[in-house]
C-alpha atoms as a PDB file:
ATOM      1  CA  MET A   1     -29.820 -25.964 114.885  1.00  0.00           C
ATOM      2  CA  PRO A   2     -30.402 -25.539 111.075  1.00  0.00           C
ATOM      3  CA  LYS A   3     -30.555 -29.236 109.302  1.00  0.00           C
ATOM      4  CA  LYS A   4     -27.440 -29.194 106.742  1.00  0.00           C
ATOM      5  CA  PHE A   5     -28.139 -29.775 103.240  1.00  0.00           C
ATOM      6  CA  ASP A   6     -26.339 -29.524 100.015  1.00  0.00           C
ATOM      7  CA  SER A   7     -26.880 -29.640  96.215  1.00  0.00           C
ATOM      8  CA  GLY A   8     -28.398 -33.120  95.208  1.00  0.00           C
ATOM      9  CA  ASP A   9     -29.967 -33.632  98.187  1.00  0.00           C
ATOM     10  CA  ILE A  10     -33.643 -35.544  97.681  1.00  0.00           C
ATOM     11  CA  PHE A  11     -36.033 -34.290 100.373  1.00  0.00           C
ATOM     12  CA  GLY A  12     -39.900 -35.217 101.131  1.00  0.00           C
ATOM     13  CA  VAL A  13     -42.301 -32.727 101.054  1.00  0.00           C
ATOM     14  CA  PRO A  14     -45.072 -34.032 103.077  1.00  0.00           C
ATOM     15  CA  LEU A  15     -48.404 -34.087 101.667  1.00  0.00           C
ATOM     16  CA  PRO A  16     -51.872 -33.720 103.157  1.00  0.00           C
ATOM     17  CA  ASP A  17     -52.367 -37.712 102.075  1.00  0.00           C
ATOM     18  CA  GLY A  18     -49.615 -38.605 104.357  1.00  0.00           C
ATOM     19  CA  SER A  19     -47.617 -39.480 101.493  1.00  0.00           C
ATOM     20  CA  ILE A  20     -44.528 -37.060 100.159  1.00  0.00           C
ATOM     21  CA  ALA A  21     -43.864 -35.208  97.020  1.00  0.00           C
ATOM     22  CA  LEU A  22     -40.035 -35.406  96.120  1.00  0.00           C
ATOM     23  CA  GLY A  23     -37.802 -32.336  95.571  1.00  0.00           C
ATOM     24  CA  GLN A  24     -34.187 -31.848  94.939  1.00  0.00           C
ATOM     25  CA  VAL A  25     -31.818 -29.104  96.549  1.00  0.00           C
ATOM     26  CA  LEU A  26     -30.257 -27.143  93.464  1.00  0.00           C
ATOM     27  CA  SER A  27     -27.970 -24.880  95.237  1.00  0.00           C
ATOM     28  CA  ARG A  28     -28.016 -22.460  98.246  1.00  0.00           C
ATOM     29  CA  GLU A  29     -28.294 -19.016  96.973  1.00  0.00           C
ATOM     30  CA  ARG A  30     -27.287 -16.587 100.249  1.00  0.00           C
ATOM     31  CA  GLN A  31     -27.104 -13.511  97.918  1.00  0.00           C
ATOM     32  CA  ALA A  32     -30.703 -13.746  97.028  1.00  0.00           C
ATOM     33  CA  LEU A  33     -32.015 -13.445 100.452  1.00  0.00           C
ATOM     34  CA  ASN A  34     -30.678 -16.581 101.655  1.00  0.00           C
ATOM     35  CA  SER A  35     -33.001 -19.074  99.561  1.00  0.00           C
ATOM     36  CA  VAL A  36     -32.418 -22.046  98.189  1.00  0.00           C
ATOM     37  CA  GLY A  37     -32.494 -23.471  94.630  1.00  0.00           C
ATOM     38  CA  CYS A  38     -35.160 -26.591  94.642  1.00  0.00           C
ATOM     39  CA  ALA A  39     -36.452 -28.522  91.761  1.00  0.00           C
ATOM     40  CA  PHE A  40     -39.828 -29.811  92.691  1.00  0.00           C
ATOM     41  CA  PHE A  41     -40.625 -33.269  90.914  1.00  0.00           C
ATOM     42  CA  SER A  42     -44.021 -35.050  89.500  1.00  0.00           C
ATOM     43  CA  ALA A  43     -43.428 -37.800  91.700  1.00  0.00           C
ATOM     44  CA  ALA A  44     -44.719 -38.765  95.132  1.00  0.00           C
ATOM     45  CA  CYS A  45     -44.440 -41.722  97.179  1.00  0.00           C
ATOM     46  CA  SER A  46     -45.223 -43.298 100.645  1.00  0.00           C
ATOM     47  CA  VAL A  47     -42.670 -42.316 103.429  1.00  0.00           C
ATOM     48  CA  THR A  48     -41.625 -45.340 103.582  1.00  0.00           C
ATOM     49  CA  GLY A  49     -41.121 -46.284 100.142  1.00  0.00           C
ATOM     50  CA  PRO A  50     -38.439 -46.530  97.749  1.00  0.00           C
ATOM     51  CA  LEU A  51     -37.836 -43.210  95.593  1.00  0.00           C
ATOM     52  CA  PRO A  52     -38.003 -43.665  92.045  1.00  0.00           C
ATOM     53  CA  ASP A  53     -35.416 -44.353  89.447  1.00  0.00           C
ATOM     54  CA  SER A  54     -36.268 -41.527  87.608  1.00  0.00           C
ATOM     55  CA  LEU A  55     -37.367 -37.921  88.507  1.00  0.00           C
ATOM     56  CA  THR A  56     -39.400 -35.836  86.060  1.00  0.00           C
ATOM     57  CA  PRO A  57     -39.066 -32.146  86.952  1.00  0.00           C
ATOM     58  CA  ILE A  58     -42.259 -29.707  86.797  1.00  0.00           C
ATOM     59  CA  SER A  59     -40.708 -26.962  88.739  1.00  0.00           C
ATOM     60  CA  ALA A  60     -37.655 -25.040  89.528  1.00  0.00           C
ATOM     61  CA  LEU A  61     -38.085 -22.268  92.482  1.00  0.00           C
ATOM     62  CA  LEU A  62     -35.802 -20.231  95.052  1.00  0.00           C
ATOM     63  CA  VAL A  63     -37.503 -20.808  97.962  1.00  0.00           C
ATOM     64  CA  THR A  64     -36.931 -19.910 101.834  1.00  0.00           C
ATOM     65  CA  PRO A  65     -34.926 -22.579 104.059  1.00  0.00           C
ATOM     66  CA  ASP A  66     -37.325 -22.811 106.753  1.00  0.00           C
ATOM     67  CA  LEU A  67     -39.028 -26.062 106.032  1.00  0.00           C
ATOM     68  CA  LEU A  68     -35.526 -27.512 104.914  1.00  0.00           C
ATOM     69  CA  ASN A  69     -33.272 -26.088 108.393  1.00  0.00           C
ATOM     70  CA  LYS A  70     -36.419 -27.342 110.631  1.00  0.00           C
ATOM     71  CA  GLY A  71     -35.985 -30.653 109.048  1.00  0.00           C
ATOM     72  CA  ALA A  72     -39.588 -30.812 108.097  1.00  0.00           C
ATOM     73  CA  TRP A  73     -38.396 -31.609 104.395  1.00  0.00           C
ATOM     74  CA  PRO A  74     -36.560 -34.464 105.539  1.00  0.00           C
ATOM     75  CA  LEU A  75     -33.365 -35.528 103.506  1.00  0.00           C
ATOM     76  CA  LEU A  76     -33.692 -38.958 101.499  1.00  0.00           C
ATOM     77  CA  ALA A  77     -31.312 -39.380  99.337  1.00  0.00           C
ATOM     78  CA  LYS A  78     -28.368 -37.523  97.403  1.00  0.00           C
ATOM     79  CA  ARG A  79     -28.626 -37.877  94.018  1.00  0.00           C
ATOM     80  CA  ASP A  80     -26.794 -36.098  90.497  1.00  0.00           C
ATOM     81  CA  VAL A  81     -28.636 -32.927  90.199  1.00  0.00           C
ATOM     82  CA  VAL A  82     -31.676 -33.215  87.485  1.00  0.00           C
ATOM     83  CA  VAL A  83     -32.014 -29.484  86.398  1.00  0.00           C
ATOM     84  CA  PRO A  84     -29.211 -27.864  84.806  1.00  0.00           C
ATOM     85  CA  PRO A  85     -28.405 -23.843  85.757  1.00  0.00           C
ATOM     86  CA  GLN A  86     -29.717 -23.321  82.099  1.00  0.00           C
ATOM     87  CA  GLN A  87     -33.402 -24.833  82.666  1.00  0.00           C
ATOM     88  CA  ARG A  88     -33.595 -22.511  86.098  1.00  0.00           C
ATOM     89  CA  PRO A  89     -35.915 -20.038  85.405  1.00  0.00           C
ATOM     90  CA  TYR A  90     -34.637 -17.618  88.338  1.00  0.00           C
ATOM     91  CA  GLU A  91     -30.913 -18.273  86.963  1.00  0.00           C
ATOM     92  CA  GLN A  92     -31.805 -14.756  84.485  1.00  0.00           C
ATOM     93  CA  PHE A  93     -31.238 -13.044  87.792  1.00  0.00           C
ATOM     94  CA  ARG A  94     -28.215 -13.822  88.940  1.00  0.00           C
ATOM     95  CA  ASP A  95     -25.805 -11.202  86.932  1.00  0.00           C
ATOM     96  CA  SER A  96     -28.107  -8.455  88.078  1.00  0.00           C
ATOM     97  CA  GLY A  97     -27.374  -9.514  91.296  1.00  0.00           C
ATOM     98  CA  TRP A  98     -30.707 -11.221  92.006  1.00  0.00           C
ATOM     99  CA  VAL A  99     -32.401  -8.054  91.595  1.00  0.00           C
ATOM    100  CA  GLY A 100     -36.157  -8.567  90.698  1.00  0.00           C
ATOM    101  CA  VAL A 101     -36.011 -12.597  91.453  1.00  0.00           C
ATOM    102  CA  LYS A 102     -39.002 -13.309  93.361  1.00  0.00           C
ATOM    103  CA  VAL A 103     -38.422 -16.405  96.259  1.00  0.00           C
ATOM    104  CA  THR A 104     -41.201 -18.397  96.939  1.00  0.00           C
ATOM    105  CA  GLY A 105     -41.960 -19.465 100.963  1.00  0.00           C
ATOM    106  CA  SER A 106     -41.689 -23.377 101.449  1.00  0.00           C
ATOM    107  CA  GLY A 107     -45.401 -23.417 102.757  1.00  0.00           C
ATOM    108  CA  ILE A 108     -46.689 -22.026  99.263  1.00  0.00           C
ATOM    109  CA  ALA A 109     -44.318 -24.419  97.416  1.00  0.00           C
ATOM    110  CA  GLN A 110     -45.876 -27.623  99.830  1.00  0.00           C
ATOM    111  CA  GLU A 111     -48.976 -26.129  98.881  1.00  0.00           C
ATOM    112  CA  PHE A 112     -48.540 -25.825  95.302  1.00  0.00           C
ATOM    113  CA  LEU A 113     -47.376 -29.803  95.607  1.00  0.00           C
ATOM    114  CA  ALA A 114     -50.595 -30.600  97.023  1.00  0.00           C
ATOM    115  CA  ALA A 115     -52.608 -29.247  94.839  1.00  0.00           C
ATOM    116  CA  TYR A 116     -50.147 -30.644  91.696  1.00  0.00           C
ATOM    117  CA  HIS A 117     -51.032 -34.248  93.297  1.00  0.00           C
ATOM    118  CA  ARG A 118     -54.918 -33.150  93.464  1.00  0.00           C
ATOM    119  CA  LEU A 119     -55.056 -32.936  97.098  1.00  0.00           C
ATOM    120  CA  CYS A 120     -56.399 -29.523  97.251  1.00  0.00           C
ATOM    121  CA  PRO A 121     -57.651 -26.814  94.770  1.00  0.00           C
ATOM    122  CA  TRP A 122     -55.136 -25.706  91.935  1.00  0.00           C
ATOM    123  CA  ASP A 123     -56.903 -22.435  91.552  1.00  0.00           C
ATOM    124  CA  ASP A 124     -57.797 -21.414  95.053  1.00  0.00           C
ATOM    125  CA  TRP A 125     -55.399 -18.328  95.058  1.00  0.00           C
ATOM    126  CA  TYR A 126     -56.480 -14.619  94.930  1.00  0.00           C
ATOM    127  CA  VAL A 127     -54.666 -14.837  91.190  1.00  0.00           C
ATOM    128  CA  PRO A 128     -56.586 -18.157  90.113  1.00  0.00           C
ATOM    129  CA  ASP A 129     -53.584 -19.288  87.699  1.00  0.00           C
ATOM    130  CA  TYR A 130     -50.620 -18.386  90.563  1.00  0.00           C
ATOM    131  CA  LEU A 131     -49.641 -21.601  90.664  1.00  0.00           C
ATOM    132  CA  ASP A 132     -49.439 -21.994  86.795  1.00  0.00           C
ATOM    133  CA  ARG A 133     -46.849 -19.597  86.956  1.00  0.00           C
ATOM    134  CA  LEU A 134     -44.678 -22.004  89.281  1.00  0.00           C
ATOM    135  CA  LEU A 135     -44.461 -24.574  86.431  1.00  0.00           C
ATOM    136  CA  LEU A 136     -41.435 -25.304  84.544  1.00  0.00           C
ATOM    137  CA  PRO A 137     -41.677 -23.448  80.874  1.00  0.00           C
ATOM    138  CA  GLY A 138     -43.213 -26.294  78.787  1.00  0.00           C
ATOM    139  CA  VAL A 139     -44.681 -28.101  81.587  1.00  0.00           C
ATOM    140  CA  ALA A 140     -48.636 -28.028  81.708  1.00  0.00           C
ATOM    141  CA  ARG A 141     -51.127 -28.187  84.425  1.00  0.00           C
ATOM    142  CA  PRO A 142     -51.739 -31.506  85.035  1.00  0.00           C
ATOM    143  CA  ASP A 143     -55.286 -33.072  84.054  1.00  0.00           C
ATOM    144  CA  GLY A 144     -57.757 -33.809  86.727  1.00  0.00           C
ATOM    145  CA  VAL A 145     -56.631 -30.862  89.221  1.00  0.00           C
ATOM    146  CA  VAL A 146     -58.613 -30.064  91.837  1.00  0.00           C
ATOM    147  CA  LEU A 147     -60.445 -26.527  90.783  1.00  0.00           C
ATOM    148  CA  SER A 148     -62.458 -24.243  93.481  1.00  0.00           C
ATOM    149  CA  LYS A 149     -66.690 -23.955  93.248  1.00  0.00           C
ATOM    150  CA  SER A 150     -65.538 -20.693  91.831  1.00  0.00           C
ATOM    151  CA  GLY A 151     -63.219 -22.279  89.251  1.00  0.00           C
END
């Protein structure tokens, strides 16, 4: 049975080193391919550690709900939504019935966070700057990211 999650829920995204990156459910978007609006943050922490008081968003994406539904991204807390609708890049597609919107696979979002936290190559994609496109406007690629041999 799918896990229940709602706007404001903070969840953990497992990283390859055993830590977790943090995300927040912004909205459920059934009309946009049954996706979930999620913010992802610069913070990572241990699975058993306390959550940071302040969360800095690096990305706001529509993602597939599979890893939330399965509990692979465990719910950790509930907080006020951090990223308002006007700062979510995908909101520009709402009035057109979501025509043209992109939904990111939850597995890709997890790889994006691993690369952001320097745990795998940032540019090891068919389009080497693909992950740059997942960052919020004005958020730069972090210093010291791992680059592939071709990067």
